[in-house]
Amino acid sequence: MVLTNQGEPCTRDGLQTNLWKLVKSLAAEGSVKPGLCFHGLRHSLGTALYELGLDREARKAALGHSSDAASMVYERGGNRRAASDRAFNALDEHLTRTVNKAKNGE
């Protein structure tokens, strides 16, 4: 939930109006490309979650998807090698912690 300066829930229109003002300002200074929108932000999040190596179920939950097909869209835009490397690094770290706990009797 996003709140206004007065602590009230922000409406969709209010949020979109403020986003457009922010995007125009950031585009004017060259920080973002003109035309950035909610869907573009959502797509960026989906791609980033994929590249971070999060599994499809985690990405579906974060993005509110009910089908694998919807989440697979972001896999096409991501860097598969980087995502794979991060996923296996995370697995390696998890296994190392698990083995160390077992060695220490935890």
PDB file of N, CA and C in Angstrom:
ATOM      1  N   MET A   1       0.844  -1.166   0.000  1.00  0.00           N
ATOM      2  CA  MET A   1       0.000   0.000   0.000  1.00  0.00           C
ATOM      3  C   MET A   1       0.893   1.233   0.000  1.00  0.00           C
ATOM      4  N   VAL A   2       0.529   2.176  -0.806  1.00  0.00           N
ATOM      5  CA  VAL A   2       1.242   3.454  -0.888  1.00  0.00           C
ATOM      6  C   VAL A   2       0.357   4.514  -0.255  1.00  0.00           C
ATOM      7  N   LEU A   3       0.964   5.339   0.598  1.00  0.00           N
ATOM      8  CA  LEU A   3       0.207   6.380   1.287  1.00  0.00           C
ATOM      9  C   LEU A   3       0.556   7.760   0.751  1.00  0.00           C
ATOM     10  N   THR A   4      -0.413   8.671   0.844  1.00  0.00           N
ATOM     11  CA  THR A   4      -0.184  10.069   0.478  1.00  0.00           C
ATOM     12  C   THR A   4       0.572  10.757   1.605  1.00  0.00           C
ATOM     13  N   ASN A   5       0.945  12.011   1.391  1.00  0.00           N
ATOM     14  CA  ASN A   5       1.604  12.788   2.446  1.00  0.00           C
ATOM     15  C   ASN A   5       0.717  12.934   3.674  1.00  0.00           C
ATOM     16  N   GLN A   6      -0.590  12.826   3.484  1.00  0.00           N
ATOM     17  CA  GLN A   6      -1.534  12.946   4.594  1.00  0.00           C
ATOM     18  C   GLN A   6      -1.801  11.603   5.275  1.00  0.00           C
ATOM     19  N   GLY A   7      -1.137  10.544   4.829  1.00  0.00           N
ATOM     20  CA  GLY A   7      -1.306   9.227   5.436  1.00  0.00           C
ATOM     21  C   GLY A   7      -2.497   8.439   4.925  1.00  0.00           C
ATOM     22  N   GLU A   8      -3.135   8.918   3.878  1.00  0.00           N
ATOM     23  CA  GLU A   8      -4.280   8.225   3.283  1.00  0.00           C
ATOM     24  C   GLU A   8      -3.794   7.304   2.163  1.00  0.00           C
ATOM     25  N   PRO A   9      -4.535   6.219   1.892  1.00  0.00           N
ATOM     26  CA  PRO A   9      -4.158   5.357   0.770  1.00  0.00           C
ATOM     27  C   PRO A   9      -4.162   6.146  -0.540  1.00  0.00           C
ATOM     28  N   CYS A  10      -3.140   5.960  -1.313  1.00  0.00           N
ATOM     29  CA  CYS A  10      -3.018   6.651  -2.601  1.00  0.00           C
ATOM     30  C   CYS A  10      -3.881   5.924  -3.631  1.00  0.00           C
ATOM     31  N   THR A  11      -4.606   6.681  -4.423  1.00  0.00           N
ATOM     32  CA  THR A  11      -5.410   6.067  -5.480  1.00  0.00           C
ATOM     33  C   THR A  11      -4.502   5.679  -6.644  1.00  0.00           C
ATOM     34  N   ARG A  12      -5.003   4.817  -7.496  1.00  0.00           N
ATOM     35  CA  ARG A  12      -4.234   4.420  -8.681  1.00  0.00           C
ATOM     36  C   ARG A  12      -3.917   5.643  -9.541  1.00  0.00           C
ATOM     37  N   ASP A  13      -4.922   6.503  -9.746  1.00  0.00           N
ATOM     38  CA  ASP A  13      -4.703   7.704 -10.558  1.00  0.00           C
ATOM     39  C   ASP A  13      -3.678   8.628  -9.912  1.00  0.00           C
ATOM     40  N   GLY A  14      -3.774   8.786  -8.598  1.00  0.00           N
ATOM     41  CA  GLY A  14      -2.820   9.642  -7.893  1.00  0.00           C
ATOM     42  C   GLY A  14      -1.404   9.107  -7.992  1.00  0.00           C
ATOM     43  N   LEU A  15      -1.276   7.801  -7.838  1.00  0.00           N
ATOM     44  CA  LEU A  15       0.042   7.179  -7.936  1.00  0.00           C
ATOM     45  C   LEU A  15       0.594   7.322  -9.344  1.00  0.00           C
ATOM     46  N   GLN A  16      -0.260   7.099 -10.344  1.00  0.00           N
ATOM     47  CA  GLN A  16       0.191   7.211 -11.730  1.00  0.00           C
ATOM     48  C   GLN A  16       0.591   8.649 -12.062  1.00  0.00           C
ATOM     49  N   THR A  17      -0.177   9.619 -11.590  1.00  0.00           N
ATOM     50  CA  THR A  17       0.153  11.031 -11.825  1.00  0.00           C
ATOM     51  C   THR A  17       1.512  11.371 -11.232  1.00  0.00           C
ATOM     52  N   ASN A  18       1.748  10.930 -10.002  1.00  0.00           N
ATOM     53  CA  ASN A  18       3.035  11.209  -9.367  1.00  0.00           C
ATOM     54  C   ASN A  18       4.182  10.471 -10.044  1.00  0.00           C
ATOM     55  N   LEU A  19       3.920   9.245 -10.509  1.00  0.00           N
ATOM     56  CA  LEU A  19       4.961   8.511 -11.231  1.00  0.00           C
ATOM     57  C   LEU A  19       5.329   9.243 -12.510  1.00  0.00           C
ATOM     58  N   TRP A  20       4.314   9.724 -13.261  1.00  0.00           N
ATOM     59  CA  TRP A  20       4.593  10.439 -14.508  1.00  0.00           C
ATOM     60  C   TRP A  20       5.412  11.700 -14.245  1.00  0.00           C
ATOM     61  N   LYS A  21       5.094  12.416 -13.169  1.00  0.00           N
ATOM     62  CA  LYS A  21       5.870  13.617 -12.824  1.00  0.00           C
ATOM     63  C   LYS A  21       7.320  13.240 -12.535  1.00  0.00           C
ATOM     64  N   LEU A  22       7.501  12.163 -11.772  1.00  0.00           N
ATOM     65  CA  LEU A  22       8.851  11.708 -11.445  1.00  0.00           C
ATOM     66  C   LEU A  22       9.596  11.265 -12.698  1.00  0.00           C
ATOM     67  N   VAL A  23       8.935  10.496 -13.558  1.00  0.00           N
ATOM     68  CA  VAL A  23       9.570  10.010 -14.788  1.00  0.00           C
ATOM     69  C   VAL A  23       9.973  11.176 -15.680  1.00  0.00           C
ATOM     70  N   LYS A  24       9.090  12.152 -15.837  1.00  0.00           N
ATOM     71  CA  LYS A  24       9.420  13.317 -16.667  1.00  0.00           C
ATOM     72  C   LYS A  24      10.638  14.045 -16.115  1.00  0.00           C
ATOM     73  N   SER A  25      10.693  14.193 -14.806  1.00  0.00           N
ATOM     74  CA  SER A  25      11.824  14.869 -14.175  1.00  0.00           C
ATOM     75  C   SER A  25      13.115  14.073 -14.365  1.00  0.00           C
ATOM     76  N   LEU A  26      13.044  12.759 -14.127  1.00  0.00           N
ATOM     77  CA  LEU A  26      14.230  11.912 -14.281  1.00  0.00           C
ATOM     78  C   LEU A  26      14.667  11.820 -15.738  1.00  0.00           C
ATOM     79  N   ALA A  27      13.703  11.788 -16.659  1.00  0.00           N
ATOM     80  CA  ALA A  27      14.033  11.745 -18.088  1.00  0.00           C
ATOM     81  C   ALA A  27      14.698  13.044 -18.516  1.00  0.00           C
ATOM     82  N   ALA A  28      14.224  14.171 -17.979  1.00  0.00           N
ATOM     83  CA  ALA A  28      14.807  15.469 -18.329  1.00  0.00           C
ATOM     84  C   ALA A  28      16.269  15.554 -17.912  1.00  0.00           C
ATOM     85  N   GLU A  29      16.615  14.903 -16.812  1.00  0.00           N
ATOM     86  CA  GLU A  29      18.016  14.921 -16.371  1.00  0.00           C
ATOM     87  C   GLU A  29      18.813  13.744 -16.927  1.00  0.00           C
ATOM     88  N   GLY A  30      18.150  12.887 -17.721  1.00  0.00           N
ATOM     89  CA  GLY A  30      18.844  11.779 -18.375  1.00  0.00           C
ATOM     90  C   GLY A  30      19.034  10.548 -17.514  1.00  0.00           C
ATOM     91  N   SER A  31      18.330  10.469 -16.385  1.00  0.00           N
ATOM     92  CA  SER A  31      18.486   9.321 -15.487  1.00  0.00           C
ATOM     93  C   SER A  31      17.705   8.091 -15.945  1.00  0.00           C
ATOM     94  N   VAL A  32      16.599   8.299 -16.661  1.00  0.00           N
ATOM     95  CA  VAL A  32      15.803   7.192 -17.200  1.00  0.00           C
ATOM     96  C   VAL A  32      15.380   7.547 -18.614  1.00  0.00           C
ATOM     97  N   LYS A  33      14.969   6.527 -19.353  1.00  0.00           N
ATOM     98  CA  LYS A  33      14.457   6.769 -20.701  1.00  0.00           C
ATOM     99  C   LYS A  33      13.046   7.332 -20.605  1.00  0.00           C
ATOM    100  N   PRO A  34      12.701   8.255 -21.495  1.00  0.00           N
ATOM    101  CA  PRO A  34      11.330   8.777 -21.498  1.00  0.00           C
ATOM    102  C   PRO A  34      10.327   7.643 -21.724  1.00  0.00           C
ATOM    103  N   GLY A  35       9.171   7.739 -21.095  1.00  0.00           N
ATOM    104  CA  GLY A  35       8.123   6.747 -21.300  1.00  0.00           C
ATOM    105  C   GLY A  35       8.116   5.604 -20.305  1.00  0.00           C
ATOM    106  N   LEU A  36       8.963   5.649 -19.295  1.00  0.00           N
ATOM    107  CA  LEU A  36       8.956   4.610 -18.273  1.00  0.00           C
ATOM    108  C   LEU A  36       7.560   4.528 -17.667  1.00  0.00           C
ATOM    109  N   CYS A  37       7.056   3.314 -17.441  1.00  0.00           N
ATOM    110  CA  CYS A  37       5.697   3.147 -16.915  1.00  0.00           C
ATOM    111  C   CYS A  37       5.678   2.028 -15.876  1.00  0.00           C
ATOM    112  N   PHE A  38       4.511   1.832 -15.246  1.00  0.00           N
ATOM    113  CA  PHE A  38       4.377   0.773 -14.249  1.00  0.00           C
ATOM    114  C   PHE A  38       4.746  -0.581 -14.836  1.00  0.00           C
ATOM    115  N   HIS A  39       4.255  -0.864 -16.033  1.00  0.00           N
ATOM    116  CA  HIS A  39       4.548  -2.167 -16.629  1.00  0.00           C
ATOM    117  C   HIS A  39       6.048  -2.322 -16.873  1.00  0.00           C
ATOM    118  N   GLY A  40       6.706  -1.247 -17.286  1.00  0.00           N
ATOM    119  CA  GLY A  40       8.153  -1.304 -17.475  1.00  0.00           C
ATOM    120  C   GLY A  40       8.879  -1.596 -16.175  1.00  0.00           C
ATOM    121  N   LEU A  41       8.416  -0.983 -15.088  1.00  0.00           N
ATOM    122  CA  LEU A  41       9.011  -1.257 -13.776  1.00  0.00           C
ATOM    123  C   LEU A  41       8.771  -2.708 -13.377  1.00  0.00           C
ATOM    124  N   ARG A  42       7.569  -3.189 -13.631  1.00  0.00           N
ATOM    125  CA  ARG A  42       7.225  -4.576 -13.309  1.00  0.00           C
ATOM    126  C   ARG A  42       8.090  -5.542 -14.116  1.00  0.00           C
ATOM    127  N   HIS A  43       8.267  -5.234 -15.392  1.00  0.00           N
ATOM    128  CA  HIS A  43       9.102  -6.083 -16.239  1.00  0.00           C
ATOM    129  C   HIS A  43      10.550  -6.077 -15.744  1.00  0.00           C
ATOM    130  N   SER A  44      11.037  -4.908 -15.356  1.00  0.00           N
ATOM    131  CA  SER A  44      12.402  -4.813 -14.822  1.00  0.00           C
ATOM    132  C   SER A  44      12.542  -5.655 -13.561  1.00  0.00           C
ATOM    133  N   LEU A  45      11.527  -5.625 -12.692  1.00  0.00           N
ATOM    134  CA  LEU A  45      11.557  -6.437 -11.479  1.00  0.00           C
ATOM    135  C   LEU A  45      11.586  -7.919 -11.831  1.00  0.00           C
ATOM    136  N   GLY A  46      10.723  -8.345 -12.744  1.00  0.00           N
ATOM    137  CA  GLY A  46      10.697  -9.751 -13.134  1.00  0.00           C
ATOM    138  C   GLY A  46      12.029 -10.217 -13.695  1.00  0.00           C
ATOM    139  N   THR A  47      12.637  -9.400 -14.531  1.00  0.00           N
ATOM    140  CA  THR A  47      13.939  -9.742 -15.111  1.00  0.00           C
ATOM    141  C   THR A  47      15.015  -9.778 -14.033  1.00  0.00           C
ATOM    142  N   ALA A  48      14.999  -8.800 -13.123  1.00  0.00           N
ATOM    143  CA  ALA A  48      16.003  -8.761 -12.048  1.00  0.00           C
ATOM    144  C   ALA A  48      15.873  -9.982 -11.139  1.00  0.00           C
ATOM    145  N   LEU A  49      14.649 -10.362 -10.798  1.00  0.00           N
ATOM    146  CA  LEU A  49      14.453 -11.543  -9.948  1.00  0.00           C
ATOM    147  C   LEU A  49      14.965 -12.796 -10.641  1.00  0.00           C
ATOM    148  N   TYR A  50      14.744 -12.885 -11.949  1.00  0.00           N
ATOM    149  CA  TYR A  50      15.256 -14.021 -12.718  1.00  0.00           C
ATOM    150  C   TYR A  50      16.781 -14.021 -12.708  1.00  0.00           C
ATOM    151  N   GLU A  51      17.375 -12.856 -12.965  1.00  0.00           N
ATOM    152  CA  GLU A  51      18.832 -12.770 -13.024  1.00  0.00           C
ATOM    153  C   GLU A  51      19.477 -12.990 -11.660  1.00  0.00           C
ATOM    154  N   LEU A  52      18.733 -12.749 -10.586  1.00  0.00           N
ATOM    155  CA  LEU A  52      19.246 -13.019  -9.244  1.00  0.00           C
ATOM    156  C   LEU A  52      19.183 -14.500  -8.897  1.00  0.00           C
ATOM    157  N   GLY A  53      18.573 -15.277  -9.790  1.00  0.00           N
ATOM    158  CA  GLY A  53      18.528 -16.716  -9.587  1.00  0.00           C
ATOM    159  C   GLY A  53      17.338 -17.208  -8.786  1.00  0.00           C
ATOM    160  N   LEU A  54      16.331 -16.355  -8.545  1.00  0.00           N
ATOM    161  CA  LEU A  54      15.155 -16.813  -7.819  1.00  0.00           C
ATOM    162  C   LEU A  54      14.389 -17.814  -8.671  1.00  0.00           C
ATOM    163  N   ASP A  55      13.874 -18.844  -8.023  1.00  0.00           N
ATOM    164  CA  ASP A  55      13.140 -19.856  -8.776  1.00  0.00           C
ATOM    165  C   ASP A  55      11.800 -19.295  -9.251  1.00  0.00           C
ATOM    166  N   ARG A  56      11.208 -19.989 -10.192  1.00  0.00           N
ATOM    167  CA  ARG A  56       9.987 -19.504 -10.824  1.00  0.00           C
ATOM    168  C   ARG A  56       8.855 -19.309  -9.818  1.00  0.00           C
ATOM    169  N   GLU A  57       8.726 -20.200  -8.840  1.00  0.00           N
ATOM    170  CA  GLU A  57       7.647 -20.060  -7.850  1.00  0.00           C
ATOM    171  C   GLU A  57       7.813 -18.779  -7.042  1.00  0.00           C
ATOM    172  N   ALA A  58       9.043 -18.441  -6.675  1.00  0.00           N
ATOM    173  CA  ALA A  58       9.290 -17.201  -5.924  1.00  0.00           C
ATOM    174  C   ALA A  58       8.966 -15.989  -6.784  1.00  0.00           C
ATOM    175  N   ARG A  59       9.360 -16.042  -8.062  1.00  0.00           N
ATOM    176  CA  ARG A  59       9.067 -14.916  -8.958  1.00  0.00           C
ATOM    177  C   ARG A  59       7.561 -14.773  -9.175  1.00  0.00           C
ATOM    178  N   LYS A  60       6.867 -15.909  -9.337  1.00  0.00           N
ATOM    179  CA  LYS A  60       5.414 -15.863  -9.508  1.00  0.00           C
ATOM    180  C   LYS A  60       4.754 -15.215  -8.298  1.00  0.00           C
ATOM    181  N   ALA A  61       5.206 -15.575  -7.112  1.00  0.00           N
ATOM    182  CA  ALA A  61       4.619 -15.010  -5.894  1.00  0.00           C
ATOM    183  C   ALA A  61       4.875 -13.509  -5.810  1.00  0.00           C
ATOM    184  N   ALA A  62       6.094 -13.094  -6.116  1.00  0.00           N
ATOM    185  CA  ALA A  62       6.445 -11.671  -6.021  1.00  0.00           C
ATOM    186  C   ALA A  62       5.672 -10.828  -7.027  1.00  0.00           C
ATOM    187  N   LEU A  63       5.419 -11.383  -8.201  1.00  0.00           N
ATOM    188  CA  LEU A  63       4.754 -10.627  -9.264  1.00  0.00           C
ATOM    189  C   LEU A  63       3.245 -10.877  -9.329  1.00  0.00           C
ATOM    190  N   GLY A  64       2.755 -11.791  -8.482  1.00  0.00           N
ATOM    191  CA  GLY A  64       1.325 -12.078  -8.481  1.00  0.00           C
ATOM    192  C   GLY A  64       0.864 -12.897  -9.669  1.00  0.00           C
ATOM    193  N   HIS A  65       1.752 -13.690 -10.240  1.00  0.00           N
ATOM    194  CA  HIS A  65       1.387 -14.528 -11.385  1.00  0.00           C
ATOM    195  C   HIS A  65       0.794 -15.846 -10.903  1.00  0.00           C
ATOM    196  N   SER A  66      -0.169 -16.367 -11.646  1.00  0.00           N
ATOM    197  CA  SER A  66      -0.742 -17.668 -11.309  1.00  0.00           C
ATOM    198  C   SER A  66      -0.247 -18.763 -12.253  1.00  0.00           C
ATOM    199  N   SER A  67       0.368 -18.372 -13.361  1.00  0.00           N
ATOM    200  CA  SER A  67       0.833 -19.378 -14.321  1.00  0.00           C
ATOM    201  C   SER A  67       2.336 -19.269 -14.554  1.00  0.00           C
ATOM    202  N   ASP A  68       2.930 -20.410 -14.902  1.00  0.00           N
ATOM    203  CA  ASP A  68       4.349 -20.416 -15.250  1.00  0.00           C
ATOM    204  C   ASP A  68       4.604 -19.574 -16.489  1.00  0.00           C
ATOM    205  N   ALA A  69       3.666 -19.616 -17.439  1.00  0.00           N
ATOM    206  CA  ALA A  69       3.852 -18.899 -18.705  1.00  0.00           C
ATOM    207  C   ALA A  69       4.063 -17.409 -18.477  1.00  0.00           C
ATOM    208  N   ALA A  70       3.323 -16.827 -17.556  1.00  0.00           N
ATOM    209  CA  ALA A  70       3.467 -15.393 -17.288  1.00  0.00           C
ATOM    210  C   ALA A  70       4.856 -15.081 -16.751  1.00  0.00           C
ATOM    211  N   SER A  71       5.381 -15.933 -15.889  1.00  0.00           N
ATOM    212  CA  SER A  71       6.708 -15.693 -15.319  1.00  0.00           C
ATOM    213  C   SER A  71       7.825 -15.984 -16.311  1.00  0.00           C
ATOM    214  N   MET A  72       7.574 -16.880 -17.249  1.00  0.00           N
ATOM    215  CA  MET A  72       8.603 -17.235 -18.225  1.00  0.00           C
ATOM    216  C   MET A  72       8.917 -16.090 -19.177  1.00  0.00           C
ATOM    217  N   VAL A  73       8.010 -15.131 -19.307  1.00  0.00           N
ATOM    218  CA  VAL A  73       8.249 -13.967 -20.168  1.00  0.00           C
ATOM    219  C   VAL A  73       9.539 -13.270 -19.761  1.00  0.00           C
ATOM    220  N   TYR A  74       9.790 -13.170 -18.462  1.00  0.00           N
ATOM    221  CA  TYR A  74      10.955 -12.443 -17.964  1.00  0.00           C
ATOM    222  C   TYR A  74      12.248 -13.228 -18.162  1.00  0.00           C
ATOM    223  N   GLU A  75      12.139 -14.532 -18.354  1.00  0.00           N
ATOM    224  CA  GLU A  75      13.324 -15.349 -18.582  1.00  0.00           C
ATOM    225  C   GLU A  75      13.937 -15.053 -19.942  1.00  0.00           C
ATOM    226  N   ARG A  76      13.110 -14.644 -20.899  1.00  0.00           N
ATOM    227  CA  ARG A  76      13.626 -14.345 -22.236  1.00  0.00           C
ATOM    228  C   ARG A  76      14.460 -13.076 -22.250  1.00  0.00           C
ATOM    229  N   GLY A  77      14.135 -12.127 -21.375  1.00  0.00           N
ATOM    230  CA  GLY A  77      14.859 -10.858 -21.368  1.00  0.00           C
ATOM    231  C   GLY A  77      16.081 -10.874 -20.479  1.00  0.00           C
ATOM    232  N   GLY A  78      16.217 -11.891 -19.671  1.00  0.00           N
ATOM    233  CA  GLY A  78      17.308 -11.922 -18.703  1.00  0.00           C
ATOM    234  C   GLY A  78      18.572 -12.557 -19.241  1.00  0.00           C
ATOM    235  N   ASN A  79      19.620 -12.419 -18.486  1.00  0.00           N
ATOM    236  CA  ASN A  79      20.906 -13.014 -18.811  1.00  0.00           C
ATOM    237  C   ASN A  79      20.934 -14.403 -18.182  1.00  0.00           C
ATOM    238  N   ARG A  80      20.693 -15.425 -18.986  1.00  0.00           N
ATOM    239  CA  ARG A  80      20.580 -16.792 -18.468  1.00  0.00           C
ATOM    240  C   ARG A  80      21.861 -17.267 -17.786  1.00  0.00           C
ATOM    241  N   ARG A  81      23.002 -16.938 -18.350  1.00  0.00           N
ATOM    242  CA  ARG A  81      24.261 -17.394 -17.758  1.00  0.00           C
ATOM    243  C   ARG A  81      24.451 -16.774 -16.376  1.00  0.00           C
ATOM    244  N   ALA A  82      24.200 -15.473 -16.266  1.00  0.00           N
ATOM    245  CA  ALA A  82      24.346 -14.795 -14.974  1.00  0.00           C
ATOM    246  C   ALA A  82      23.357 -15.365 -13.964  1.00  0.00           C
ATOM    247  N   ALA A  83      22.123 -15.613 -14.394  1.00  0.00           N
ATOM    248  CA  ALA A  83      21.115 -16.171 -13.492  1.00  0.00           C
ATOM    249  C   ALA A  83      21.525 -17.558 -13.021  1.00  0.00           C
ATOM    250  N   SER A  84      22.018 -18.358 -13.946  1.00  0.00           N
ATOM    251  CA  SER A  84      22.460 -19.703 -13.598  1.00  0.00           C
ATOM    252  C   SER A  84      23.623 -19.656 -12.617  1.00  0.00           C
ATOM    253  N   ASP A  85      24.592 -18.794 -12.879  1.00  0.00           N
ATOM    254  CA  ASP A  85      25.740 -18.660 -11.973  1.00  0.00           C
ATOM    255  C   ASP A  85      25.295 -18.267 -10.574  1.00  0.00           C
ATOM    256  N   ARG A  86      24.395 -17.283 -10.468  1.00  0.00           N
ATOM    257  CA  ARG A  86      23.928 -16.843  -9.151  1.00  0.00           C
ATOM    258  C   ARG A  86      23.151 -17.943  -8.438  1.00  0.00           C
ATOM    259  N   ALA A  87      22.347 -18.674  -9.182  1.00  0.00           N
ATOM    260  CA  ALA A  87      21.570 -19.755  -8.573  1.00  0.00           C
ATOM    261  C   ALA A  87      22.499 -20.832  -8.020  1.00  0.00           C
ATOM    262  N   PHE A  88      23.512 -21.216  -8.794  1.00  0.00           N
ATOM    263  CA  PHE A  88      24.423 -22.248  -8.316  1.00  0.00           C
ATOM    264  C   PHE A  88      25.327 -21.743  -7.200  1.00  0.00           C
ATOM    265  N   ASN A  89      25.693 -20.475  -7.231  1.00  0.00           N
ATOM    266  CA  ASN A  89      26.463 -19.905  -6.120  1.00  0.00           C
ATOM    267  C   ASN A  89      25.638 -19.916  -4.839  1.00  0.00           C
ATOM    268  N   ALA A  90      24.357 -19.567  -4.948  1.00  0.00           N
ATOM    269  CA  ALA A  90      23.477 -19.589  -3.779  1.00  0.00           C
ATOM    270  C   ALA A  90      23.335 -21.012  -3.244  1.00  0.00           C
ATOM    271  N   LEU A  91      23.200 -21.981  -4.145  1.00  0.00           N
ATOM    272  CA  LEU A  91      23.104 -23.375  -3.727  1.00  0.00           C
ATOM    273  C   LEU A  91      24.389 -23.820  -3.048  1.00  0.00           C
ATOM    274  N   ASP A  92      25.526 -23.452  -3.610  1.00  0.00           N
ATOM    275  CA  ASP A  92      26.815 -23.805  -3.025  1.00  0.00           C
ATOM    276  C   ASP A  92      26.951 -23.229  -1.611  1.00  0.00           C
ATOM    277  N   GLU A  93      26.568 -21.965  -1.440  1.00  0.00           N
ATOM    278  CA  GLU A  93      26.633 -21.341  -0.117  1.00  0.00           C
ATOM    279  C   GLU A  93      25.714 -22.054   0.869  1.00  0.00           C
ATOM    280  N   HIS A  94      24.523 -22.414   0.414  1.00  0.00           N
ATOM    281  CA  HIS A  94      23.570 -23.120   1.272  1.00  0.00           C
ATOM    282  C   HIS A  94      24.136 -24.479   1.695  1.00  0.00           C
ATOM    283  N   LEU A  95      24.669 -25.218   0.741  1.00  0.00           N
ATOM    284  CA  LEU A  95      25.222 -26.538   1.052  1.00  0.00           C
ATOM    285  C   LEU A  95      26.423 -26.428   1.981  1.00  0.00           C
ATOM    286  N   THR A  96      27.264 -25.423   1.773  1.00  0.00           N
ATOM    287  CA  THR A  96      28.421 -25.215   2.651  1.00  0.00           C
ATOM    288  C   THR A  96      27.960 -24.939   4.078  1.00  0.00           C
ATOM    289  N   ARG A  97      26.947 -24.066   4.244  1.00  0.00           N
ATOM    290  CA  ARG A  97      26.412 -23.780   5.586  1.00  0.00           C
ATOM    291  C   ARG A  97      25.829 -25.041   6.217  1.00  0.00           C
ATOM    292  N   THR A  98      25.112 -25.831   5.426  1.00  0.00           N
ATOM    293  CA  THR A  98      24.494 -27.054   5.935  1.00  0.00           C
ATOM    294  C   THR A  98      25.553 -28.044   6.402  1.00  0.00           C
ATOM    295  N   VAL A  99      26.595 -28.224   5.602  1.00  0.00           N
ATOM    296  CA  VAL A  99      27.678 -29.142   5.967  1.00  0.00           C
ATOM    297  C   VAL A  99      28.391 -28.641   7.215  1.00  0.00           C
ATOM    298  N   ASN A 100      28.670 -27.342   7.280  1.00  0.00           N
ATOM    299  CA  ASN A 100      29.347 -26.782   8.456  1.00  0.00           C
ATOM    300  C   ASN A 100      28.508 -26.953   9.719  1.00  0.00           C
ATOM    301  N   LYS A 101      27.202 -26.778   9.617  1.00  0.00           N
ATOM    302  CA  LYS A 101      26.324 -26.984  10.776  1.00  0.00           C
ATOM    303  C   LYS A 101      26.372 -28.440  11.221  1.00  0.00           C
ATOM    304  N   ALA A 102      26.366 -29.360  10.259  1.00  0.00           N
ATOM    305  CA  ALA A 102      26.417 -30.782  10.584  1.00  0.00           C
ATOM    306  C   ALA A 102      27.736 -31.129  11.263  1.00  0.00           C
ATOM    307  N   LYS A 103      28.830 -30.549  10.785  1.00  0.00           N
ATOM    308  CA  LYS A 103      30.144 -30.799  11.385  1.00  0.00           C
ATOM    309  C   LYS A 103      30.215 -30.272  12.808  1.00  0.00           C
ATOM    310  N   ASN A 104      29.537 -29.154  13.050  1.00  0.00           N
ATOM    311  CA  ASN A 104      29.562 -28.524  14.372  1.00  0.00           C
ATOM    312  C   ASN A 104      28.470 -29.065  15.289  1.00  0.00           C
ATOM    313  N   GLY A 105      27.715 -30.041  14.830  1.00  0.00           N
ATOM    314  CA  GLY A 105      26.675 -30.649  15.647  1.00  0.00           C
ATOM    315  C   GLY A 105      25.461 -29.779  15.870  1.00  0.00           C
ATOM    316  N   GLU A 106      25.227 -28.848  14.991  1.00  0.00           N
ATOM    317  CA  GLU A 106      24.056 -27.953  15.141  1.00  0.00           C
ATOM    318  C   GLU A 106      22.811 -28.594  14.593  1.00  0.00           C
TER     319      GLU A 106
END
